[in-house]
mmCIF file of all heavy atoms, coordinates in Angstrom:
data_MODEL
# 
_entry.id   MODEL 
# 
loop_
_atom_site.group_PDB 
_atom_site.id 
_atom_site.type_symbol 
_atom_site.label_atom_id 
_atom_site.label_alt_id 
_atom_site.label_comp_id 
_atom_site.label_asym_id 
_atom_site.label_entity_id 
_atom_site.label_seq_id 
_atom_site.pdbx_PDB_ins_code 
_atom_site.Cartn_x 
_atom_site.Cartn_y 
_atom_site.Cartn_z 
_atom_site.occupancy 
_atom_site.B_iso_or_equiv 
_atom_site.pdbx_formal_charge 
_atom_site.auth_seq_id 
_atom_site.auth_comp_id 
_atom_site.auth_asym_id 
_atom_site.auth_atom_id 
_atom_site.pdbx_PDB_model_num 
ATOM 1   N N   . LYS A 1 1  ? 2.708   8.828   5.138   1.00 0.00 ? 1  LYS A N   1 
ATOM 2   C CA  . LYS A 1 1  ? 3.045   8.207   6.421   1.00 0.00 ? 1  LYS A CA  1 
ATOM 3   C C   . LYS A 1 1  ? 2.171   6.994   6.702   1.00 0.00 ? 1  LYS A C   1 
ATOM 4   O O   . LYS A 1 1  ? 2.658   5.954   7.177   1.00 0.00 ? 1  LYS A O   1 
ATOM 5   C CB  . LYS A 1 1  ? 2.901   9.231   7.552   1.00 0.00 ? 1  LYS A CB  1 
ATOM 6   C CG  . LYS A 1 1  ? 3.966   10.304  7.540   1.00 0.00 ? 1  LYS A CG  1 
ATOM 7   C CD  . LYS A 1 1  ? 3.815   11.230  8.743   1.00 0.00 ? 1  LYS A CD  1 
ATOM 8   C CE  . LYS A 1 1  ? 4.910   12.285  8.766   1.00 0.00 ? 1  LYS A CE  1 
ATOM 9   N NZ  . LYS A 1 1  ? 4.774   13.185  9.943   1.00 0.00 ? 1  LYS A NZ  1 
ATOM 10  N N   . ALA A 1 2  ? 0.883   7.123   6.408   1.00 0.00 ? 2  ALA A N   1 
ATOM 11  C CA  . ALA A 1 2  ? -0.032  6.013   6.685   1.00 0.00 ? 2  ALA A CA  1 
ATOM 12  C C   . ALA A 1 2  ? 0.297   4.797   5.833   1.00 0.00 ? 2  ALA A C   1 
ATOM 13  O O   . ALA A 1 2  ? 0.306   3.657   6.325   1.00 0.00 ? 2  ALA A O   1 
ATOM 14  C CB  . ALA A 1 2  ? -1.468  6.456   6.443   1.00 0.00 ? 2  ALA A CB  1 
ATOM 15  N N   . VAL A 1 3  ? 0.567   5.012   4.554   1.00 0.00 ? 3  VAL A N   1 
ATOM 16  C CA  . VAL A 1 3  ? 0.888   3.889   3.674   1.00 0.00 ? 3  VAL A CA  1 
ATOM 17  C C   . VAL A 1 3  ? 2.230   3.276   4.066   1.00 0.00 ? 3  VAL A C   1 
ATOM 18  O O   . VAL A 1 3  ? 2.399   2.050   4.053   1.00 0.00 ? 3  VAL A O   1 
ATOM 19  C CB  . VAL A 1 3  ? 0.888   4.337   2.200   1.00 0.00 ? 3  VAL A CB  1 
ATOM 20  C CG1 . VAL A 1 3  ? 1.391   3.224   1.291   1.00 0.00 ? 3  VAL A CG1 1 
ATOM 21  C CG2 . VAL A 1 3  ? -0.512  4.773   1.779   1.00 0.00 ? 3  VAL A CG2 1 
ATOM 22  N N   . ARG A 1 4  ? 3.167   4.123   4.412   1.00 0.00 ? 4  ARG A N   1 
ATOM 23  C CA  . ARG A 1 4  ? 4.473   3.606   4.846   1.00 0.00 ? 4  ARG A CA  1 
ATOM 24  C C   . ARG A 1 4  ? 4.313   2.701   6.060   1.00 0.00 ? 4  ARG A C   1 
ATOM 25  O O   . ARG A 1 4  ? 4.922   1.626   6.145   1.00 0.00 ? 4  ARG A O   1 
ATOM 26  C CB  . ARG A 1 4  ? 5.408   4.777   5.171   1.00 0.00 ? 4  ARG A CB  1 
ATOM 27  C CG  . ARG A 1 4  ? 6.848   4.373   5.441   1.00 0.00 ? 4  ARG A CG  1 
ATOM 28  C CD  . ARG A 1 4  ? 7.739   5.602   5.520   1.00 0.00 ? 4  ARG A CD  1 
ATOM 29  N NE  . ARG A 1 4  ? 9.133   5.234   5.696   1.00 0.00 ? 4  ARG A NE  1 
ATOM 30  C CZ  . ARG A 1 4  ? 10.146  6.096   5.688   1.00 0.00 ? 4  ARG A CZ  1 
ATOM 31  N NH1 . ARG A 1 4  ? 9.897   7.384   5.485   1.00 0.00 ? 4  ARG A NH1 1 
ATOM 32  N NH2 . ARG A 1 4  ? 11.390  5.690   5.876   1.00 0.00 ? 4  ARG A NH2 1 
ATOM 33  N N   . TRP A 1 5  ? 3.481   3.131   7.008   1.00 0.00 ? 5  TRP A N   1 
ATOM 34  C CA  . TRP A 1 5  ? 3.215   2.291   8.178   1.00 0.00 ? 5  TRP A CA  1 
ATOM 35  C C   . TRP A 1 5  ? 2.484   1.014   7.787   1.00 0.00 ? 5  TRP A C   1 
ATOM 36  O O   . TRP A 1 5  ? 2.864   -0.089  8.210   1.00 0.00 ? 5  TRP A O   1 
ATOM 37  C CB  . TRP A 1 5  ? 2.377   3.087   9.188   1.00 0.00 ? 5  TRP A CB  1 
ATOM 38  C CG  . TRP A 1 5  ? 1.772   2.234   10.261  1.00 0.00 ? 5  TRP A CG  1 
ATOM 39  C CD1 . TRP A 1 5  ? 2.370   1.785   11.398  1.00 0.00 ? 5  TRP A CD1 1 
ATOM 40  C CD2 . TRP A 1 5  ? 0.446   1.691   10.265  1.00 0.00 ? 5  TRP A CD2 1 
ATOM 41  N NE1 . TRP A 1 5  ? 1.499   0.996   12.115  1.00 0.00 ? 5  TRP A NE1 1 
ATOM 42  C CE2 . TRP A 1 5  ? 0.308   0.925   11.443  1.00 0.00 ? 5  TRP A CE2 1 
ATOM 43  C CE3 . TRP A 1 5  ? -0.636  1.790   9.384   1.00 0.00 ? 5  TRP A CE3 1 
ATOM 44  C CZ2 . TRP A 1 5  ? -0.871  0.253   11.755  1.00 0.00 ? 5  TRP A CZ2 1 
ATOM 45  C CZ3 . TRP A 1 5  ? -1.824  1.128   9.700   1.00 0.00 ? 5  TRP A CZ3 1 
ATOM 46  C CH2 . TRP A 1 5  ? -1.924  0.370   10.876  1.00 0.00 ? 5  TRP A CH2 1 
ATOM 47  N N   . ALA A 1 6  ? 1.445   1.141   6.975   1.00 0.00 ? 6  ALA A N   1 
ATOM 48  C CA  . ALA A 1 6  ? 0.616   -0.016  6.612   1.00 0.00 ? 6  ALA A CA  1 
ATOM 49  C C   . ALA A 1 6  ? 1.423   -1.082  5.887   1.00 0.00 ? 6  ALA A C   1 
ATOM 50  O O   . ALA A 1 6  ? 1.250   -2.287  6.131   1.00 0.00 ? 6  ALA A O   1 
ATOM 51  C CB  . ALA A 1 6  ? -0.557  0.439   5.753   1.00 0.00 ? 6  ALA A CB  1 
ATOM 52  N N   . VAL A 1 7  ? 2.299   -0.661  5.006   1.00 0.00 ? 7  VAL A N   1 
ATOM 53  C CA  . VAL A 1 7  ? 3.125   -1.616  4.271   1.00 0.00 ? 7  VAL A CA  1 
ATOM 54  C C   . VAL A 1 7  ? 4.189   -2.226  5.177   1.00 0.00 ? 7  VAL A C   1 
ATOM 55  O O   . VAL A 1 7  ? 4.437   -3.437  5.141   1.00 0.00 ? 7  VAL A O   1 
ATOM 56  C CB  . VAL A 1 7  ? 3.773   -0.930  3.049   1.00 0.00 ? 7  VAL A CB  1 
ATOM 57  C CG1 . VAL A 1 7  ? 4.802   -1.851  2.386   1.00 0.00 ? 7  VAL A CG1 1 
ATOM 58  C CG2 . VAL A 1 7  ? 2.699   -0.533  2.037   1.00 0.00 ? 7  VAL A CG2 1 
ATOM 59  N N   . ALA A 1 8  ? 4.801   -1.400  6.027   1.00 0.00 ? 8  ALA A N   1 
ATOM 60  C CA  . ALA A 1 8  ? 5.879   -1.884  6.885   1.00 0.00 ? 8  ALA A CA  1 
ATOM 61  C C   . ALA A 1 8  ? 5.400   -2.928  7.884   1.00 0.00 ? 8  ALA A C   1 
ATOM 62  O O   . ALA A 1 8  ? 6.120   -3.905  8.164   1.00 0.00 ? 8  ALA A O   1 
ATOM 63  C CB  . ALA A 1 8  ? 6.516   -0.705  7.631   1.00 0.00 ? 8  ALA A CB  1 
ATOM 64  N N   . VAL A 1 9  ? 4.199   -2.746  8.427   1.00 0.00 ? 9  VAL A N   1 
ATOM 65  C CA  . VAL A 1 9  ? 3.701   -3.697  9.425   1.00 0.00 ? 9  VAL A CA  1 
ATOM 66  C C   . VAL A 1 9  ? 2.873   -4.813  8.809   1.00 0.00 ? 9  VAL A C   1 
ATOM 67  O O   . VAL A 1 9  ? 2.391   -5.700  9.516   1.00 0.00 ? 9  VAL A O   1 
ATOM 68  C CB  . VAL A 1 9  ? 2.877   -2.976  10.512  1.00 0.00 ? 9  VAL A CB  1 
ATOM 69  C CG1 . VAL A 1 9  ? 3.714   -1.921  11.216  1.00 0.00 ? 9  VAL A CG1 1 
ATOM 70  C CG2 . VAL A 1 9  ? 1.615   -2.346  9.921   1.00 0.00 ? 9  VAL A CG2 1 
ATOM 71  N N   . GLY A 1 10 ? 2.686   -4.786  7.490   1.00 0.00 ? 10 GLY A N   1 
ATOM 72  C CA  . GLY A 1 10 ? 1.997   -5.881  6.819   1.00 0.00 ? 10 GLY A CA  1 
ATOM 73  C C   . GLY A 1 10 ? 0.496   -5.763  6.754   1.00 0.00 ? 10 GLY A C   1 
ATOM 74  O O   . GLY A 1 10 ? -0.179  -6.749  6.444   1.00 0.00 ? 10 GLY A O   1 
ATOM 75  N N   . VAL A 1 11 ? -0.049  -4.581  7.040   1.00 0.00 ? 11 VAL A N   1 
ATOM 76  C CA  . VAL A 1 11 ? -1.497  -4.409  6.964   1.00 0.00 ? 11 VAL A CA  1 
ATOM 77  C C   . VAL A 1 11 ? -1.966  -4.370  5.510   1.00 0.00 ? 11 VAL A C   1 
ATOM 78  O O   . VAL A 1 11 ? -3.003  -4.935  5.155   1.00 0.00 ? 11 VAL A O   1 
ATOM 79  C CB  . VAL A 1 11 ? -1.928  -3.122  7.693   1.00 0.00 ? 11 VAL A CB  1 
ATOM 80  C CG1 . VAL A 1 11 ? -3.406  -2.817  7.460   1.00 0.00 ? 11 VAL A CG1 1 
ATOM 81  C CG2 . VAL A 1 11 ? -1.668  -3.264  9.186   1.00 0.00 ? 11 VAL A CG2 1 
ATOM 82  N N   . MET A 1 12 ? -1.209  -3.718  4.663   1.00 0.00 ? 12 MET A N   1 
ATOM 83  C CA  . MET A 1 12 ? -1.548  -3.597  3.253   1.00 0.00 ? 12 MET A CA  1 
ATOM 84  C C   . MET A 1 12 ? -0.286  -3.788  2.416   1.00 0.00 ? 12 MET A C   1 
ATOM 85  O O   . MET A 1 12 ? 0.836   -3.659  2.925   1.00 0.00 ? 12 MET A O   1 
ATOM 86  C CB  . MET A 1 12 ? -2.176  -2.230  2.950   1.00 0.00 ? 12 MET A CB  1 
ATOM 87  C CG  . MET A 1 12 ? -3.419  -1.921  3.743   1.00 0.00 ? 12 MET A CG  1 
ATOM 88  S SD  . MET A 1 12 ? -4.057  -0.216  3.511   1.00 0.00 ? 12 MET A SD  1 
ATOM 89  C CE  . MET A 1 12 ? -4.793  -0.344  1.878   1.00 0.00 ? 12 MET A CE  1 
ATOM 90  N N   . THR A 1 13 ? -0.463  -4.112  1.147   1.00 0.00 ? 13 THR A N   1 
ATOM 91  C CA  . THR A 1 13 ? 0.651   -4.191  0.212   1.00 0.00 ? 13 THR A CA  1 
ATOM 92  C C   . THR A 1 13 ? 0.258   -3.477  -1.067  1.00 0.00 ? 13 THR A C   1 
ATOM 93  O O   . THR A 1 13 ? -0.900  -3.116  -1.262  1.00 0.00 ? 13 THR A O   1 
ATOM 94  C CB  . THR A 1 13 ? 1.015   -5.651  -0.141  1.00 0.00 ? 13 THR A CB  1 
ATOM 95  O OG1 . THR A 1 13 ? -0.046  -6.237  -0.904  1.00 0.00 ? 13 THR A OG1 1 
ATOM 96  C CG2 . THR A 1 13 ? 1.262   -6.477  1.101   1.00 0.00 ? 13 THR A CG2 1 
ATOM 97  N N   . GLY A 1 14 ? 1.217   -3.305  -1.939  1.00 0.00 ? 14 GLY A N   1 
ATOM 98  C CA  . GLY A 1 14 ? 0.919   -2.742  -3.244  1.00 0.00 ? 14 GLY A CA  1 
ATOM 99  C C   . GLY A 1 14 ? 0.647   -3.833  -4.259  1.00 0.00 ? 14 GLY A C   1 
ATOM 100 O O   . GLY A 1 14 ? 0.509   -5.009  -3.914  1.00 0.00 ? 14 GLY A O   1 
ATOM 101 N N   . TYR A 1 15 ? 0.585   -3.436  -5.519  1.00 0.00 ? 15 TYR A N   1 
ATOM 102 C CA  . TYR A 1 15 ? 0.377   -4.378  -6.611  1.00 0.00 ? 15 TYR A CA  1 
ATOM 103 C C   . TYR A 1 15 ? 1.727   -4.781  -7.197  1.00 0.00 ? 15 TYR A C   1 
ATOM 104 O O   . TYR A 1 15 ? 2.758   -4.159  -6.943  1.00 0.00 ? 15 TYR A O   1 
ATOM 105 C CB  . TYR A 1 15 ? -0.510  -3.743  -7.688  1.00 0.00 ? 15 TYR A CB  1 
ATOM 106 C CG  . TYR A 1 15 ? -1.956  -3.630  -7.266  1.00 0.00 ? 15 TYR A CG  1 
ATOM 107 C CD1 . TYR A 1 15 ? -2.381  -2.546  -6.496  1.00 0.00 ? 15 TYR A CD1 1 
ATOM 108 C CD2 . TYR A 1 15 ? -2.889  -4.588  -7.629  1.00 0.00 ? 15 TYR A CD2 1 
ATOM 109 C CE1 . TYR A 1 15 ? -3.706  -2.434  -6.104  1.00 0.00 ? 15 TYR A CE1 1 
ATOM 110 C CE2 . TYR A 1 15 ? -4.215  -4.487  -7.246  1.00 0.00 ? 15 TYR A CE2 1 
ATOM 111 C CZ  . TYR A 1 15 ? -4.621  -3.405  -6.480  1.00 0.00 ? 15 TYR A CZ  1 
ATOM 112 O OH  . TYR A 1 15 ? -5.918  -3.291  -6.086  1.00 0.00 ? 15 TYR A OH  1 
ATOM 113 N N   . ARG A 1 16 ? 1.696   -5.806  -8.009  1.00 0.00 ? 16 ARG A N   1 
ATOM 114 C CA  . ARG A 1 16 ? 2.933   -6.336  -8.570  1.00 0.00 ? 16 ARG A CA  1 
ATOM 115 C C   . ARG A 1 16 ? 3.619   -5.371  -9.521  1.00 0.00 ? 16 ARG A C   1 
ATOM 116 O O   . ARG A 1 16 ? 4.804   -5.509  -9.803  1.00 0.00 ? 16 ARG A O   1 
ATOM 117 C CB  . ARG A 1 16 ? 2.646   -7.660  -9.284  1.00 0.00 ? 16 ARG A CB  1 
ATOM 118 C CG  . ARG A 1 16 ? 2.252   -8.760  -8.312  1.00 0.00 ? 16 ARG A CG  1 
ATOM 119 C CD  . ARG A 1 16 ? 1.733   -9.993  -9.024  1.00 0.00 ? 16 ARG A CD  1 
ATOM 120 N NE  . ARG A 1 16 ? 1.219   -10.957 -8.069  1.00 0.00 ? 16 ARG A NE  1 
ATOM 121 C CZ  . ARG A 1 16 ? 0.431   -11.985 -8.386  1.00 0.00 ? 16 ARG A CZ  1 
ATOM 122 N NH1 . ARG A 1 16 ? 0.053   -12.145 -9.646  1.00 0.00 ? 16 ARG A NH1 1 
ATOM 123 N NH2 . ARG A 1 16 ? 0.014   -12.811 -7.468  1.00 0.00 ? 16 ARG A NH2 1 
ATOM 124 N N   . ASP A 1 17 ? 2.878   -4.400  -10.010 1.00 0.00 ? 17 ASP A N   1 
ATOM 125 C CA  . ASP A 1 17 ? 3.492   -3.421  -10.909 1.00 0.00 ? 17 ASP A CA  1 
ATOM 126 C C   . ASP A 1 17 ? 4.096   -2.240  -10.155 1.00 0.00 ? 17 ASP A C   1 
ATOM 127 O O   . ASP A 1 17 ? 4.513   -1.252  -10.759 1.00 0.00 ? 17 ASP A O   1 
ATOM 128 C CB  . ASP A 1 17 ? 2.476   -2.921  -11.939 1.00 0.00 ? 17 ASP A CB  1 
ATOM 129 C CG  . ASP A 1 17 ? 1.273   -2.213  -11.305 1.00 0.00 ? 17 ASP A CG  1 
ATOM 130 O OD1 . ASP A 1 17 ? 1.234   -2.092  -10.059 1.00 0.00 ? 17 ASP A OD1 1 
ATOM 131 O OD2 . ASP A 1 17 ? 0.375   -1.788  -12.051 1.00 0.00 ? 17 ASP A OD2 1 
ATOM 132 N N   . GLY A 1 18 ? 4.155   -2.333  -8.818  1.00 0.00 ? 18 GLY A N   1 
ATOM 133 C CA  . GLY A 1 18 ? 4.772   -1.282  -8.022  1.00 0.00 ? 18 GLY A CA  1 
ATOM 134 C C   . GLY A 1 18 ? 3.853   -0.129  -7.666  1.00 0.00 ? 18 GLY A C   1 
ATOM 135 O O   . GLY A 1 18 ? 4.306   0.882   -7.125  1.00 0.00 ? 18 GLY A O   1 
ATOM 136 N N   . THR A 1 19 ? 2.559   -0.268  -7.941  1.00 0.00 ? 19 THR A N   1 
ATOM 137 C CA  . THR A 1 19 ? 1.605   0.786   -7.618  1.00 0.00 ? 19 THR A CA  1 
ATOM 138 C C   . THR A 1 19 ? 0.829   0.431   -6.356  1.00 0.00 ? 19 THR A C   1 
ATOM 139 O O   . THR A 1 19 ? 0.716   -0.738  -5.975  1.00 0.00 ? 19 THR A O   1 
ATOM 140 C CB  . THR A 1 19 ? 0.603   1.017   -8.760  1.00 0.00 ? 19 THR A CB  1 
ATOM 141 O OG1 . THR A 1 19 ? -0.150  -0.191  -8.972  1.00 0.00 ? 19 THR A OG1 1 
ATOM 142 C CG2 . THR A 1 19 ? 1.331   1.390   -10.043 1.00 0.00 ? 19 THR A CG2 1 
ATOM 143 N N   . PHE A 1 20 ? 0.275   1.459   -5.735  1.00 0.00 ? 20 PHE A N   1 
ATOM 144 C CA  . PHE A 1 20 ? -0.608  1.268   -4.587  1.00 0.00 ? 20 PHE A CA  1 
ATOM 145 C C   . PHE A 1 20 ? -2.063  1.456   -4.973  1.00 0.00 ? 20 PHE A C   1 
ATOM 146 O O   . PHE A 1 20 ? -2.953  0.927   -4.319  1.00 0.00 ? 20 PHE A O   1 
ATOM 147 C CB  . PHE A 1 20 ? -0.243  2.270   -3.483  1.00 0.00 ? 20 PHE A CB  1 
ATOM 148 C CG  . PHE A 1 20 ? -1.034  2.091   -2.224  1.00 0.00 ? 20 PHE A CG  1 
ATOM 149 C CD1 . PHE A 1 20 ? -0.834  0.989   -1.409  1.00 0.00 ? 20 PHE A CD1 1 
ATOM 150 C CD2 . PHE A 1 20 ? -1.980  3.030   -1.829  1.00 0.00 ? 20 PHE A CD2 1 
ATOM 151 C CE1 . PHE A 1 20 ? -1.559  0.817   -0.235  1.00 0.00 ? 20 PHE A CE1 1 
ATOM 152 C CE2 . PHE A 1 20 ? -2.708  2.876   -0.664  1.00 0.00 ? 20 PHE A CE2 1 
ATOM 153 C CZ  . PHE A 1 20 ? -2.497  1.761   0.128   1.00 0.00 ? 20 PHE A CZ  1 
ATOM 154 N N   . ARG A 1 21 ? -2.308  2.194   -6.049  1.00 0.00 ? 21 ARG A N   1 
ATOM 155 C CA  . ARG A 1 21 ? -3.652  2.504   -6.530  1.00 0.00 ? 21 ARG A CA  1 
ATOM 156 C C   . ARG A 1 21 ? -4.487  3.143   -5.406  1.00 0.00 ? 21 ARG A C   1 
ATOM 157 O O   . ARG A 1 21 ? -5.489  2.589   -4.947  1.00 0.00 ? 21 ARG A O   1 
ATOM 158 C CB  . ARG A 1 21 ? -4.319  1.254   -7.097  1.00 0.00 ? 21 ARG A CB  1 
ATOM 159 C CG  . ARG A 1 21 ? -3.479  0.606   -8.202  1.00 0.00 ? 21 ARG A CG  1 
ATOM 160 C CD  . ARG A 1 21 ? -4.132  -0.586  -8.845  1.00 0.00 ? 21 ARG A CD  1 
ATOM 161 N NE  . ARG A 1 21 ? -3.160  -1.308  -9.671  1.00 0.00 ? 21 ARG A NE  1 
ATOM 162 C CZ  . ARG A 1 21 ? -3.426  -2.415  -10.366 1.00 0.00 ? 21 ARG A CZ  1 
ATOM 163 N NH1 . ARG A 1 21 ? -4.646  -2.919  -10.335 1.00 0.00 ? 21 ARG A NH1 1 
ATOM 164 N NH2 . ARG A 1 21 ? -2.481  -3.011  -11.063 1.00 0.00 ? 21 ARG A NH2 1 
ATOM 165 N N   . PRO A 1 22 ? -4.058  4.295   -4.966  1.00 0.00 ? 22 PRO A N   1 
ATOM 166 C CA  . PRO A 1 22 ? -4.610  4.896   -3.750  1.00 0.00 ? 22 PRO A CA  1 
ATOM 167 C C   . PRO A 1 22 ? -6.088  5.240   -3.801  1.00 0.00 ? 22 PRO A C   1 
ATOM 168 O O   . PRO A 1 22 ? -6.744  5.278   -2.755  1.00 0.00 ? 22 PRO A O   1 
ATOM 169 C CB  . PRO A 1 22 ? -3.771  6.163   -3.570  1.00 0.00 ? 22 PRO A CB  1 
ATOM 170 C CG  . PRO A 1 22 ? -3.281  6.484   -4.943  1.00 0.00 ? 22 PRO A CG  1 
ATOM 171 C CD  . PRO A 1 22 ? -3.044  5.160   -5.591  1.00 0.00 ? 22 PRO A CD  1 
ATOM 172 N N   . TYR A 1 23 ? -6.627  5.490   -4.983  1.00 0.00 ? 23 TYR A N   1 
ATOM 173 C CA  . TYR A 1 23 ? -8.034  5.900   -5.056  1.00 0.00 ? 23 TYR A CA  1 
ATOM 174 C C   . TYR A 1 23 ? -8.964  4.767   -5.479  1.00 0.00 ? 23 TYR A C   1 
ATOM 175 O O   . TYR A 1 23 ? -10.131 5.000   -5.750  1.00 0.00 ? 23 TYR A O   1 
ATOM 176 C CB  . TYR A 1 23 ? -8.176  7.103   -5.986  1.00 0.00 ? 23 TYR A CB  1 
ATOM 177 C CG  . TYR A 1 23 ? -7.494  8.324   -5.425  1.00 0.00 ? 23 TYR A CG  1 
ATOM 178 C CD1 . TYR A 1 23 ? -6.313  8.795   -5.984  1.00 0.00 ? 23 TYR A CD1 1 
ATOM 179 C CD2 . TYR A 1 23 ? -8.012  8.984   -4.312  1.00 0.00 ? 23 TYR A CD2 1 
ATOM 180 C CE1 . TYR A 1 23 ? -5.666  9.897   -5.447  1.00 0.00 ? 23 TYR A CE1 1 
ATOM 181 C CE2 . TYR A 1 23 ? -7.369  10.084  -3.766  1.00 0.00 ? 23 TYR A CE2 1 
ATOM 182 C CZ  . TYR A 1 23 ? -6.202  10.537  -4.338  1.00 0.00 ? 23 TYR A CZ  1 
ATOM 183 O OH  . TYR A 1 23 ? -5.565  11.625  -3.798  1.00 0.00 ? 23 TYR A OH  1 
ATOM 184 N N   . GLU A 1 24 ? -8.457  3.561   -5.509  1.00 0.00 ? 24 GLU A N   1 
ATOM 185 C CA  . GLU A 1 24 ? -9.319  2.419   -5.756  1.00 0.00 ? 24 GLU A CA  1 
ATOM 186 C C   . GLU A 1 24 ? -10.225 2.203   -4.548  1.00 0.00 ? 24 GLU A C   1 
ATOM 187 O O   . GLU A 1 24 ? -9.782  2.312   -3.406  1.00 0.00 ? 24 GLU A O   1 
ATOM 188 C CB  . GLU A 1 24 ? -8.469  1.167   -5.973  1.00 0.00 ? 24 GLU A CB  1 
ATOM 189 C CG  . GLU A 1 24 ? -8.763  0.478   -7.270  1.00 0.00 ? 24 GLU A CG  1 
ATOM 190 C CD  . GLU A 1 24 ? -7.831  -0.693  -7.503  1.00 0.00 ? 24 GLU A CD  1 
ATOM 191 O OE1 . GLU A 1 24 ? -7.472  -1.378  -6.530  1.00 0.00 ? 24 GLU A OE1 1 
ATOM 192 O OE2 . GLU A 1 24 ? -7.468  -0.911  -8.654  1.00 0.00 ? 24 GLU A OE2 1 
ATOM 193 N N   . PRO A 1 25 ? -11.503 1.888   -4.746  1.00 0.00 ? 25 PRO A N   1 
ATOM 194 C CA  . PRO A 1 25 ? -12.388 1.669   -3.592  1.00 0.00 ? 25 PRO A CA  1 
ATOM 195 C C   . PRO A 1 25 ? -12.054 0.369   -2.874  1.00 0.00 ? 25 PRO A C   1 
ATOM 196 O O   . PRO A 1 25 ? -11.610 -0.602  -3.484  1.00 0.00 ? 25 PRO A O   1 
ATOM 197 C CB  . PRO A 1 25 ? -13.783 1.606   -4.235  1.00 0.00 ? 25 PRO A CB  1 
ATOM 198 C CG  . PRO A 1 25 ? -13.532 1.154   -5.636  1.00 0.00 ? 25 PRO A CG  1 
ATOM 199 C CD  . PRO A 1 25 ? -12.218 1.761   -6.036  1.00 0.00 ? 25 PRO A CD  1 
# 
């Protein structure tokens, strides 16, 4: 839910390969 919100409102994006890399610092 948090990532869905963050991406939808433009706070965060993923990488060009379609990943979010959730555990990256």
